[in-house]
Amino acid sequence: MVVTIFRSRLKPEVQEEYAPLAARMSELAASMPGYISHKGFVAEDGERLTLVEFESEEAQRAWARYGAR
């Protein structure tokens, strides 16, 4: 298994725009071959952490290349 970690903090002015975008990114990730799961966490100070699991490095790289388009 390969785990990708994203760490971020949203600017207050984009909070409302983020939810639909995050939902779409979740759909795309889940549709990729080799996808296992993802989970998101938000700290009290607003920092976000997302863990994405794939079966292999090859599957993770394919997802990264797909997202770069």
C-alpha atoms as a PDB file:
ATOM      1  CA  MET A   1       0.000   0.000   0.000  1.00  0.00           C
ATOM      2  CA  VAL A   2       1.096   3.581  -0.747  1.00  0.00           C
ATOM      3  CA  VAL A   3      -0.169   6.515   1.304  1.00  0.00           C
ATOM      4  CA  THR A   4      -0.177  10.100   0.032  1.00  0.00           C
ATOM      5  CA  ILE A   5      -0.520  12.887   2.597  1.00  0.00           C
ATOM      6  CA  PHE A   6      -1.866  16.346   1.782  1.00  0.00           C
ATOM      7  CA  ARG A   7      -1.515  19.161   4.288  1.00  0.00           C
ATOM      8  CA  SER A   8      -3.315  22.451   3.695  1.00  0.00           C
ATOM      9  CA  ARG A   9      -5.022  25.458   5.183  1.00  0.00           C
ATOM     10  CA  LEU A  10      -7.929  27.176   3.441  1.00  0.00           C
ATOM     11  CA  LYS A  11      -8.201  30.920   3.167  1.00  0.00           C
ATOM     12  CA  PRO A  12     -11.483  32.130   4.694  1.00  0.00           C
ATOM     13  CA  GLU A  13     -12.697  33.568   1.372  1.00  0.00           C
ATOM     14  CA  VAL A  14     -12.631  30.152  -0.356  1.00  0.00           C
ATOM     15  CA  GLN A  15     -14.319  28.051   2.334  1.00  0.00           C
ATOM     16  CA  GLU A  16     -17.641  27.798   0.458  1.00  0.00           C
ATOM     17  CA  GLU A  17     -15.988  26.994  -2.888  1.00  0.00           C
ATOM     18  CA  TYR A  18     -13.950  24.173  -1.402  1.00  0.00           C
ATOM     19  CA  ALA A  19     -16.732  21.706  -0.533  1.00  0.00           C
ATOM     20  CA  PRO A  20     -17.929  21.038  -4.116  1.00  0.00           C
ATOM     21  CA  LEU A  21     -14.338  20.831  -5.366  1.00  0.00           C
ATOM     22  CA  ALA A  22     -13.373  18.402  -2.591  1.00  0.00           C
ATOM     23  CA  ALA A  23     -16.397  16.223  -3.378  1.00  0.00           C
ATOM     24  CA  ARG A  24     -15.395  16.065  -7.052  1.00  0.00           C
ATOM     25  CA  MET A  25     -11.769  15.237  -6.181  1.00  0.00           C
ATOM     26  CA  SER A  26     -13.030  12.426  -3.944  1.00  0.00           C
ATOM     27  CA  GLU A  27     -15.142  11.002  -6.781  1.00  0.00           C
ATOM     28  CA  LEU A  28     -12.195  11.102  -9.168  1.00  0.00           C
ATOM     29  CA  ALA A  29      -9.816   9.445  -6.708  1.00  0.00           C
ATOM     30  CA  ALA A  30     -12.324   6.685  -5.915  1.00  0.00           C
ATOM     31  CA  SER A  31     -12.746   5.930  -9.625  1.00  0.00           C
ATOM     32  CA  MET A  32      -9.033   5.292 -10.182  1.00  0.00           C
ATOM     33  CA  PRO A  33      -7.779   1.708 -10.454  1.00  0.00           C
ATOM     34  CA  GLY A  34      -5.893   0.736  -7.303  1.00  0.00           C
ATOM     35  CA  TYR A  35      -7.663   3.268  -5.066  1.00  0.00           C
ATOM     36  CA  ILE A  36      -8.281   1.957  -1.547  1.00  0.00           C
ATOM     37  CA  SER A  37      -9.582   4.852   0.535  1.00  0.00           C
ATOM     38  CA  HIS A  38      -9.112   8.406   1.716  1.00  0.00           C
ATOM     39  CA  LYS A  39      -9.798  10.244   4.958  1.00  0.00           C
ATOM     40  CA  GLY A  40      -9.684  13.902   5.850  1.00  0.00           C
ATOM     41  CA  PHE A  41      -9.008  15.558   9.186  1.00  0.00           C
ATOM     42  CA  VAL A  42      -9.303  19.194  10.277  1.00  0.00           C
ATOM     43  CA  ALA A  43      -7.460  20.595  13.299  1.00  0.00           C
ATOM     44  CA  GLU A  44      -8.903  23.211  15.619  1.00  0.00           C
ATOM     45  CA  ASP A  45      -6.688  25.860  14.004  1.00  0.00           C
ATOM     46  CA  GLY A  46      -8.090  25.077  10.530  1.00  0.00           C
ATOM     47  CA  GLU A  47      -5.186  23.042   9.203  1.00  0.00           C
ATOM     48  CA  ARG A  48      -6.356  20.112   7.053  1.00  0.00           C
ATOM     49  CA  LEU A  49      -4.778  16.724   6.510  1.00  0.00           C
ATOM     50  CA  THR A  50      -5.931  14.196   3.912  1.00  0.00           C
ATOM     51  CA  LEU A  51      -4.608  10.636   3.622  1.00  0.00           C
ATOM     52  CA  VAL A  52      -5.117   8.809   0.325  1.00  0.00           C
ATOM     53  CA  GLU A  53      -4.358   5.078   0.059  1.00  0.00           C
ATOM     54  CA  PHE A  54      -3.557   3.219  -3.152  1.00  0.00           C
ATOM     55  CA  GLU A  55      -2.641  -0.425  -3.719  1.00  0.00           C
ATOM     56  CA  SER A  56       0.706   0.367  -5.344  1.00  0.00           C
ATOM     57  CA  GLU A  57       3.107   3.098  -6.419  1.00  0.00           C
ATOM     58  CA  GLU A  58       1.991   2.533  -9.989  1.00  0.00           C
ATOM     59  CA  ALA A  59      -1.643   3.226  -9.061  1.00  0.00           C
ATOM     60  CA  GLN A  60      -0.644   6.319  -7.074  1.00  0.00           C
ATOM     61  CA  ARG A  61       1.440   7.659  -9.973  1.00  0.00           C
ATOM     62  CA  ALA A  62      -1.422   7.090 -12.426  1.00  0.00           C
ATOM     63  CA  TRP A  63      -3.709   9.077 -10.115  1.00  0.00           C
ATOM     64  CA  ALA A  64      -1.130  11.876  -9.832  1.00  0.00           C
ATOM     65  CA  ARG A  65      -0.718  12.023 -13.627  1.00  0.00           C
ATOM     66  CA  TYR A  66      -4.483  12.017 -14.098  1.00  0.00           C
ATOM     67  CA  GLY A  67      -4.878  14.929 -11.690  1.00  0.00           C
ATOM     68  CA  ALA A  68      -2.143  16.914 -13.432  1.00  0.00           C
ATOM     69  CA  ARG A  69      -4.181  17.124 -16.652  1.00  0.00           C
END
